[in-house]
Amino acid sequence: MKSKKQQGSKREAACTALAASGGWIIGRAVENEAGYWPLTYGPYDTEERAQMVANNINAQLGITPIRAMLIVASSMAPMGAKDHAARKRGWADAERDAIARKASVEQNP
């Protein structure tokens, strides 16, 4: 009999702070999946502020700080070229959007 993991059970995801041009953003890491997916939060001026937002999101999802750390650590695996190219495109889009939002807020306080 296959275990739940072998049957394709849903993997958990957690959020963390990520450095980006123009500040810090929030990224989503999926358990045992290489890399991160940028979310539309930020940019934040400090890592501490971004991580506080990520921790609040995780808490709302019922994910403890230690569990979030383990999920993020499990995502730090080598990627194939195809995965890397897809993630790079995603990062470029998220960074562009975050920079545009920050500029808009600065121009229209």
N, C-alpha and C. Protein backbone atom coordinates (compact mmCIF):
# COMPACT_ATOMS: atom_id res chain seq x y z
N MET A 1 0.84 -1.18 0.00
CA MET A 1 0.00 0.00 0.00
C MET A 1 0.89 1.25 0.00
N LYS A 2 0.51 2.25 -0.80
CA LYS A 2 1.29 3.48 -0.90
C LYS A 2 0.96 4.41 0.26
N SER A 3 2.00 5.14 0.70
CA SER A 3 1.77 6.15 1.73
C SER A 3 1.06 7.35 1.10
N LYS A 4 0.60 8.28 1.95
CA LYS A 4 -0.07 9.48 1.42
C LYS A 4 0.85 10.27 0.52
N LYS A 5 2.14 10.38 0.87
CA LYS A 5 3.08 11.11 0.03
C LYS A 5 3.21 10.44 -1.33
N GLN A 6 3.27 9.13 -1.36
CA GLN A 6 3.41 8.41 -2.62
C GLN A 6 2.14 8.50 -3.46
N GLN A 7 1.00 8.71 -2.82
CA GLN A 7 -0.26 8.82 -3.54
C GLN A 7 -0.47 10.22 -4.12
N GLY A 8 0.50 11.09 -3.92
CA GLY A 8 0.38 12.43 -4.47
C GLY A 8 -0.37 13.39 -3.58
N SER A 9 -0.22 13.22 -2.25
CA SER A 9 -0.92 14.13 -1.35
C SER A 9 -0.40 15.55 -1.53
N LYS A 10 -1.23 16.50 -1.15
CA LYS A 10 -0.91 17.91 -1.31
C LYS A 10 0.29 18.29 -0.45
N ARG A 11 1.22 19.03 -1.06
CA ARG A 11 2.40 19.49 -0.33
C ARG A 11 2.12 20.86 0.25
N GLU A 12 2.70 21.11 1.42
CA GLU A 12 2.52 22.40 2.07
C GLU A 12 3.39 23.46 1.41
N ALA A 13 2.96 24.71 1.54
CA ALA A 13 3.73 25.85 1.06
C ALA A 13 3.86 26.85 2.19
N ALA A 14 4.97 27.56 2.22
CA ALA A 14 5.20 28.58 3.24
C ALA A 14 5.77 29.83 2.59
N CYS A 15 5.61 30.96 3.25
CA CYS A 15 6.11 32.23 2.73
C CYS A 15 7.36 32.67 3.48
N THR A 16 8.22 33.41 2.79
CA THR A 16 9.42 33.95 3.39
C THR A 16 9.80 35.25 2.70
N ALA A 17 10.68 36.03 3.34
CA ALA A 17 11.15 37.29 2.76
C ALA A 17 12.26 37.00 1.76
N LEU A 18 12.25 37.73 0.63
CA LEU A 18 13.26 37.56 -0.41
C LEU A 18 13.78 38.92 -0.85
N ALA A 19 15.09 39.00 -1.04
CA ALA A 19 15.69 40.24 -1.54
C ALA A 19 15.37 40.41 -3.01
N ALA A 20 15.02 41.64 -3.39
CA ALA A 20 14.73 41.97 -4.79
C ALA A 20 15.21 43.38 -5.04
N SER A 21 15.41 43.71 -6.29
CA SER A 21 15.80 45.09 -6.58
C SER A 21 14.66 46.00 -6.15
N GLY A 22 14.97 47.03 -5.41
CA GLY A 22 13.95 47.94 -4.92
C GLY A 22 13.42 47.58 -3.55
N GLY A 23 13.96 46.57 -2.89
CA GLY A 23 13.52 46.23 -1.54
C GLY A 23 13.37 44.74 -1.34
N TRP A 24 12.48 44.38 -0.43
CA TRP A 24 12.21 42.99 -0.07
C TRP A 24 10.80 42.62 -0.48
N ILE A 25 10.62 41.41 -0.97
CA ILE A 25 9.30 40.92 -1.37
C ILE A 25 9.01 39.62 -0.63
N ILE A 26 7.82 39.10 -0.80
CA ILE A 26 7.41 37.83 -0.19
C ILE A 26 7.44 36.75 -1.26
N GLY A 27 8.04 35.61 -0.92
CA GLY A 27 8.08 34.48 -1.84
C GLY A 27 7.40 33.28 -1.22
N ARG A 28 6.89 32.42 -2.06
CA ARG A 28 6.19 31.20 -1.63
C ARG A 28 7.05 30.00 -2.01
N ALA A 29 7.37 29.19 -1.03
CA ALA A 29 8.13 27.97 -1.26
C ALA A 29 7.21 26.77 -1.05
N VAL A 30 7.25 25.82 -1.97
CA VAL A 30 6.45 24.61 -1.86
C VAL A 30 7.37 23.49 -1.38
N GLU A 31 6.87 22.71 -0.45
CA GLU A 31 7.65 21.62 0.14
C GLU A 31 8.23 20.69 -0.92
N ASN A 32 9.53 20.49 -0.85
CA ASN A 32 10.28 19.60 -1.75
C ASN A 32 10.22 19.99 -3.22
N GLU A 33 9.96 21.27 -3.51
CA GLU A 33 9.97 21.77 -4.88
C GLU A 33 11.03 22.86 -4.96
N ALA A 34 11.97 22.71 -5.86
CA ALA A 34 13.09 23.64 -5.93
C ALA A 34 12.65 25.06 -6.26
N GLY A 35 13.19 26.03 -5.53
CA GLY A 35 12.97 27.44 -5.84
C GLY A 35 11.80 28.05 -5.11
N TYR A 36 11.52 29.30 -5.47
CA TYR A 36 10.45 30.09 -4.87
C TYR A 36 9.58 30.68 -5.96
N TRP A 37 8.37 31.04 -5.59
CA TRP A 37 7.46 31.77 -6.48
C TRP A 37 7.20 33.12 -5.82
N PRO A 38 7.52 34.21 -6.50
CA PRO A 38 7.27 35.53 -5.91
C PRO A 38 5.78 35.83 -5.84
N LEU A 39 5.37 36.48 -4.74
CA LEU A 39 3.99 36.89 -4.56
C LEU A 39 3.90 38.40 -4.76
N THR A 40 2.71 38.92 -4.82
CA THR A 40 2.53 40.35 -5.12
C THR A 40 2.49 41.19 -3.85
N TYR A 41 3.28 40.84 -2.85
CA TYR A 41 3.41 41.62 -1.63
C TYR A 41 4.72 42.40 -1.70
N GLY A 42 4.69 43.66 -1.29
CA GLY A 42 5.93 44.44 -1.26
C GLY A 42 5.99 45.42 -2.40
N PRO A 43 7.11 46.07 -2.56
CA PRO A 43 8.34 45.82 -1.81
C PRO A 43 8.32 46.46 -0.43
N TYR A 44 9.09 45.88 0.48
CA TYR A 44 9.26 46.40 1.82
C TYR A 44 10.68 46.94 1.96
N ASP A 45 10.84 47.93 2.83
CA ASP A 45 12.15 48.56 3.00
C ASP A 45 13.14 47.69 3.75
N THR A 46 12.64 46.83 4.65
CA THR A 46 13.55 46.00 5.45
C THR A 46 13.16 44.54 5.38
N GLU A 47 14.16 43.70 5.59
CA GLU A 47 13.92 42.25 5.63
C GLU A 47 13.00 41.91 6.80
N GLU A 48 13.19 42.59 7.92
CA GLU A 48 12.39 42.30 9.11
C GLU A 48 10.90 42.53 8.85
N ARG A 49 10.57 43.62 8.17
CA ARG A 49 9.17 43.92 7.86
C ARG A 49 8.59 42.87 6.90
N ALA A 50 9.35 42.53 5.88
CA ALA A 50 8.88 41.52 4.91
C ALA A 50 8.70 40.17 5.60
N GLN A 51 9.63 39.81 6.48
CA GLN A 51 9.51 38.51 7.16
C GLN A 51 8.33 38.50 8.12
N MET A 52 8.04 39.66 8.74
CA MET A 52 6.88 39.75 9.63
C MET A 52 5.59 39.51 8.84
N VAL A 53 5.50 40.08 7.65
CA VAL A 53 4.32 39.85 6.79
C VAL A 53 4.24 38.37 6.41
N ALA A 54 5.38 37.78 6.01
CA ALA A 54 5.42 36.36 5.64
C ALA A 54 4.99 35.49 6.82
N ASN A 55 5.47 35.81 8.03
CA ASN A 55 5.09 35.04 9.22
C ASN A 55 3.60 35.13 9.49
N ASN A 56 3.01 36.32 9.28
CA ASN A 56 1.56 36.48 9.47
C ASN A 56 0.77 35.64 8.48
N ILE A 57 1.22 35.62 7.22
CA ILE A 57 0.56 34.78 6.20
C ILE A 57 0.64 33.32 6.61
N ASN A 58 1.83 32.89 7.01
CA ASN A 58 2.01 31.49 7.43
C ASN A 58 1.10 31.15 8.61
N ALA A 59 1.01 32.07 9.59
CA ALA A 59 0.17 31.82 10.77
C ALA A 59 -1.29 31.67 10.36
N GLN A 60 -1.75 32.48 9.41
CA GLN A 60 -3.14 32.38 8.94
C GLN A 60 -3.38 31.03 8.25
N LEU A 61 -2.31 30.45 7.69
CA LEU A 61 -2.43 29.15 7.04
C LEU A 61 -2.22 27.99 8.01
N GLY A 62 -1.93 28.33 9.28
CA GLY A 62 -1.71 27.31 10.29
C GLY A 62 -0.32 26.70 10.25
N ILE A 63 0.65 27.42 9.69
CA ILE A 63 2.01 26.92 9.57
C ILE A 63 2.87 27.60 10.63
N THR A 64 3.50 26.80 11.49
CA THR A 64 4.35 27.34 12.55
C THR A 64 5.65 27.86 11.95
N PRO A 65 6.36 28.75 12.66
CA PRO A 65 7.64 29.25 12.15
C PRO A 65 8.66 28.14 11.88
N ILE A 66 8.70 27.14 12.72
CA ILE A 66 9.66 26.03 12.50
C ILE A 66 9.26 25.23 11.27
N ARG A 67 7.96 24.96 11.11
CA ARG A 67 7.50 24.22 9.92
C ARG A 67 7.78 25.02 8.66
N ALA A 68 7.56 26.34 8.72
CA ALA A 68 7.85 27.20 7.56
C ALA A 68 9.33 27.12 7.20
N MET A 69 10.20 27.16 8.22
CA MET A 69 11.64 27.08 7.97
C MET A 69 12.00 25.75 7.29
N LEU A 70 11.37 24.66 7.73
CA LEU A 70 11.65 23.35 7.12
C LEU A 70 11.15 23.28 5.68
N ILE A 71 10.00 23.87 5.42
CA ILE A 71 9.46 23.90 4.05
C ILE A 71 10.40 24.69 3.14
N VAL A 72 10.82 25.89 3.61
CA VAL A 72 11.72 26.73 2.83
C VAL A 72 13.04 25.99 2.58
N ALA A 73 13.58 25.35 3.62
CA ALA A 73 14.84 24.60 3.46
C ALA A 73 14.69 23.47 2.45
N SER A 74 13.54 22.82 2.43
CA SER A 74 13.34 21.71 1.49
C SER A 74 13.29 22.20 0.04
N SER A 75 13.03 23.51 -0.15
CA SER A 75 12.95 24.06 -1.51
C SER A 75 14.32 24.47 -2.05
N MET A 76 15.34 24.37 -1.22
CA MET A 76 16.68 24.80 -1.63
C MET A 76 17.44 23.63 -2.26
N ALA A 77 16.95 23.21 -3.40
CA ALA A 77 17.54 22.08 -4.12
C ALA A 77 17.93 22.55 -5.52
N PRO A 78 18.87 21.87 -6.15
CA PRO A 78 19.26 22.26 -7.52
C PRO A 78 18.06 22.17 -8.46
N MET A 79 18.02 23.09 -9.43
CA MET A 79 16.95 23.10 -10.42
C MET A 79 17.51 22.73 -11.79
N GLY A 80 16.67 22.17 -12.61
CA GLY A 80 17.03 21.95 -14.00
C GLY A 80 16.96 23.27 -14.77
N ALA A 81 17.53 23.31 -15.95
CA ALA A 81 17.56 24.54 -16.74
C ALA A 81 16.16 25.04 -17.06
N LYS A 82 15.23 24.13 -17.34
CA LYS A 82 13.86 24.53 -17.67
C LYS A 82 13.19 25.21 -16.48
N ASP A 83 13.33 24.64 -15.28
CA ASP A 83 12.76 25.23 -14.08
C ASP A 83 13.38 26.59 -13.81
N HIS A 84 14.70 26.69 -13.97
CA HIS A 84 15.41 27.94 -13.70
C HIS A 84 14.92 29.05 -14.64
N ALA A 85 14.76 28.75 -15.91
CA ALA A 85 14.30 29.76 -16.87
C ALA A 85 12.89 30.23 -16.52
N ALA A 86 12.01 29.32 -16.14
CA ALA A 86 10.64 29.68 -15.78
C ALA A 86 10.63 30.57 -14.54
N ARG A 87 11.42 30.22 -13.54
CA ARG A 87 11.47 31.01 -12.32
C ARG A 87 12.06 32.39 -12.60
N LYS A 88 13.06 32.44 -13.46
CA LYS A 88 13.69 33.72 -13.78
C LYS A 88 12.66 34.67 -14.42
N ARG A 89 11.82 34.15 -15.30
CA ARG A 89 10.76 34.97 -15.91
C ARG A 89 9.79 35.45 -14.84
N GLY A 90 9.43 34.57 -13.92
CA GLY A 90 8.52 34.94 -12.83
C GLY A 90 9.09 36.03 -11.95
N TRP A 91 10.38 35.93 -11.64
CA TRP A 91 11.04 36.95 -10.82
C TRP A 91 11.03 38.28 -11.52
N ALA A 92 11.35 38.30 -12.79
CA ALA A 92 11.40 39.56 -13.53
C ALA A 92 10.04 40.25 -13.50
N ASP A 93 8.97 39.49 -13.69
CA ASP A 93 7.62 40.07 -13.65
C ASP A 93 7.30 40.62 -12.26
N ALA A 94 7.61 39.85 -11.22
CA ALA A 94 7.30 40.28 -9.85
C ALA A 94 8.09 41.51 -9.46
N GLU A 95 9.36 41.53 -9.82
CA GLU A 95 10.20 42.69 -9.49
C GLU A 95 9.70 43.94 -10.22
N ARG A 96 9.37 43.79 -11.49
CA ARG A 96 8.87 44.93 -12.26
C ARG A 96 7.60 45.48 -11.63
N ASP A 97 6.68 44.60 -11.24
CA ASP A 97 5.43 45.02 -10.64
C ASP A 97 5.66 45.69 -9.29
N ALA A 98 6.57 45.14 -8.49
CA ALA A 98 6.85 45.71 -7.17
C ALA A 98 7.46 47.10 -7.30
N ILE A 99 8.36 47.28 -8.24
CA ILE A 99 9.00 48.58 -8.46
C ILE A 99 7.96 49.60 -8.92
N ALA A 100 7.07 49.19 -9.81
CA ALA A 100 6.02 50.08 -10.30
C ALA A 100 5.08 50.50 -9.17
N ARG A 101 4.70 49.55 -8.28
CA ARG A 101 3.84 49.89 -7.15
C ARG A 101 4.52 50.87 -6.21
N LYS A 102 5.80 50.65 -5.94
CA LYS A 102 6.54 51.54 -5.04
C LYS A 102 6.62 52.94 -5.65
N ALA A 103 6.90 53.05 -6.93
CA ALA A 103 6.99 54.35 -7.59
C ALA A 103 5.64 55.06 -7.55
N SER A 104 4.56 54.31 -7.76
CA SER A 104 3.23 54.89 -7.75
C SER A 104 2.90 55.44 -6.36
N VAL A 105 3.25 54.72 -5.32
CA VAL A 105 2.98 55.16 -3.96
C VAL A 105 3.81 56.41 -3.64
N GLU A 106 5.05 56.44 -4.10
CA GLU A 106 5.91 57.58 -3.82
C GLU A 106 5.43 58.83 -4.57
N GLN A 107 4.87 58.66 -5.75
CA GLN A 107 4.38 59.80 -6.53
C GLN A 107 3.02 60.30 -6.04
N ASN A 108 2.21 59.39 -5.51
CA ASN A 108 0.85 59.74 -5.06
C ASN A 108 0.65 59.33 -3.61
N PRO A 109 1.27 60.04 -2.67
CA PRO A 109 1.17 59.63 -1.24
C PRO A 109 -0.21 59.73 -0.67
